[in-house]
Amino acid sequence: MRKKDSLIKAFKEEIKRADPMTFPLCVDSFTNLWQYEFGALDGLPPEVEKLIAYRITELDLMDEY
């Protein structure tokens, strides 16, 4: 499995368990790791952005973001 695929898979599992308090930490951790590994967020797959947006809505965090 490629490194990008592995990171995305781990992030998907982590974000599923996130609650409103841990969600921002999960996203920050993932984006920091992605930037460290690949240099920028430019190559972030659209599926990750959609997952983050979906969880923001699902956790009712729209006012905070």
C-alpha atoms as a PDB file:
ATOM      1  CA  MET A   1       0.000   0.000   0.000  1.00  0.00           C
ATOM      2  CA  ARG A   2       1.300   3.424  -0.887  1.00  0.00           C
ATOM      3  CA  LYS A   3       2.113   5.862   1.910  1.00  0.00           C
ATOM      4  CA  LYS A   4      -0.654   8.279   0.848  1.00  0.00           C
ATOM      5  CA  ASP A   5      -3.244   5.505   0.837  1.00  0.00           C
ATOM      6  CA  SER A   6      -2.073   4.301   4.236  1.00  0.00           C
ATOM      7  CA  LEU A   7      -2.316   7.795   5.757  1.00  0.00           C
ATOM      8  CA  ILE A   8      -5.781   8.340   4.307  1.00  0.00           C
ATOM      9  CA  LYS A   9      -7.000   4.981   5.576  1.00  0.00           C
ATOM     10  CA  ALA A  10      -5.707   5.694   9.091  1.00  0.00           C
ATOM     11  CA  PHE A  11      -7.273   9.168   9.014  1.00  0.00           C
ATOM     12  CA  LYS A  12     -10.651   7.777   7.955  1.00  0.00           C
ATOM     13  CA  GLU A  13     -10.624   5.366  10.882  1.00  0.00           C
ATOM     14  CA  GLU A  14      -9.527   8.035  13.355  1.00  0.00           C
ATOM     15  CA  ILE A  15     -12.050  10.628  12.218  1.00  0.00           C
ATOM     16  CA  LYS A  16     -14.927   8.134  12.482  1.00  0.00           C
ATOM     17  CA  ARG A  17     -14.231   7.870  16.215  1.00  0.00           C
ATOM     18  CA  ALA A  18     -13.766  11.619  16.685  1.00  0.00           C
ATOM     19  CA  ASP A  19     -16.174  13.635  18.740  1.00  0.00           C
ATOM     20  CA  PRO A  20     -16.595  17.424  18.710  1.00  0.00           C
ATOM     21  CA  MET A  21     -13.663  17.826  21.124  1.00  0.00           C
ATOM     22  CA  THR A  22     -11.195  15.508  19.354  1.00  0.00           C
ATOM     23  CA  PHE A  23     -12.159  16.306  15.760  1.00  0.00           C
ATOM     24  CA  PRO A  24      -9.940  19.414  15.425  1.00  0.00           C
ATOM     25  CA  LEU A  25      -6.996  17.487  16.867  1.00  0.00           C
ATOM     26  CA  CYS A  26      -7.499  14.669  14.358  1.00  0.00           C
ATOM     27  CA  VAL A  27      -7.592  17.082  11.441  1.00  0.00           C
ATOM     28  CA  ASP A  28      -4.554  19.035  12.680  1.00  0.00           C
ATOM     29  CA  SER A  29      -2.577  15.864  13.257  1.00  0.00           C
ATOM     30  CA  PHE A  30      -3.411  14.507   9.821  1.00  0.00           C
ATOM     31  CA  THR A  31      -2.656  17.735   7.962  1.00  0.00           C
ATOM     32  CA  ASN A  32       0.622  18.214   9.835  1.00  0.00           C
ATOM     33  CA  LEU A  33       1.694  14.674   8.998  1.00  0.00           C
ATOM     34  CA  TRP A  34       0.611  15.080   5.359  1.00  0.00           C
ATOM     35  CA  GLN A  35       2.598  18.311   5.035  1.00  0.00           C
ATOM     36  CA  TYR A  36       5.638  16.686   6.642  1.00  0.00           C
ATOM     37  CA  GLU A  37       5.501  13.670   4.336  1.00  0.00           C
ATOM     38  CA  PHE A  38       4.561  15.414   1.077  1.00  0.00           C
ATOM     39  CA  GLY A  39       5.575  19.056   1.541  1.00  0.00           C
ATOM     40  CA  ALA A  40       2.163  20.681   1.115  1.00  0.00           C
ATOM     41  CA  LEU A  41      -1.568  20.136   1.267  1.00  0.00           C
ATOM     42  CA  ASP A  42      -1.830  20.732  -2.488  1.00  0.00           C
ATOM     43  CA  GLY A  43      -1.994  17.008  -3.226  1.00  0.00           C
ATOM     44  CA  LEU A  44      -4.691  16.308  -0.680  1.00  0.00           C
ATOM     45  CA  PRO A  45      -7.299  14.105  -2.351  1.00  0.00           C
ATOM     46  CA  PRO A  46     -10.821  15.560  -2.695  1.00  0.00           C
ATOM     47  CA  GLU A  47     -12.184  12.561  -0.765  1.00  0.00           C
ATOM     48  CA  VAL A  48     -10.347  13.768   2.356  1.00  0.00           C
ATOM     49  CA  GLU A  49     -11.764  17.271   2.026  1.00  0.00           C
ATOM     50  CA  LYS A  50     -15.259  15.820   1.568  1.00  0.00           C
ATOM     51  CA  LEU A  51     -14.829  13.579   4.611  1.00  0.00           C
ATOM     52  CA  ILE A  52     -13.761  16.519   6.755  1.00  0.00           C
ATOM     53  CA  ALA A  53     -16.688  18.632   5.551  1.00  0.00           C
ATOM     54  CA  TYR A  54     -19.117  15.756   6.155  1.00  0.00           C
ATOM     55  CA  ARG A  55     -17.873  15.224   9.721  1.00  0.00           C
ATOM     56  CA  ILE A  56     -18.061  18.970  10.449  1.00  0.00           C
ATOM     57  CA  THR A  57     -21.720  18.844   9.467  1.00  0.00           C
ATOM     58  CA  GLU A  58     -22.359  15.546  11.232  1.00  0.00           C
ATOM     59  CA  LEU A  59     -20.788  16.778  14.479  1.00  0.00           C
ATOM     60  CA  ASP A  60     -22.642  20.109  14.179  1.00  0.00           C
ATOM     61  CA  LEU A  61     -19.439  22.151  14.183  1.00  0.00           C
ATOM     62  CA  MET A  62     -20.373  24.575  11.382  1.00  0.00           C
ATOM     63  CA  ASP A  63     -20.344  27.594  13.709  1.00  0.00           C
ATOM     64  CA  GLU A  64     -16.795  26.801  14.821  1.00  0.00           C
ATOM     65  CA  TYR A  65     -15.248  26.483  11.331  1.00  0.00           C
END
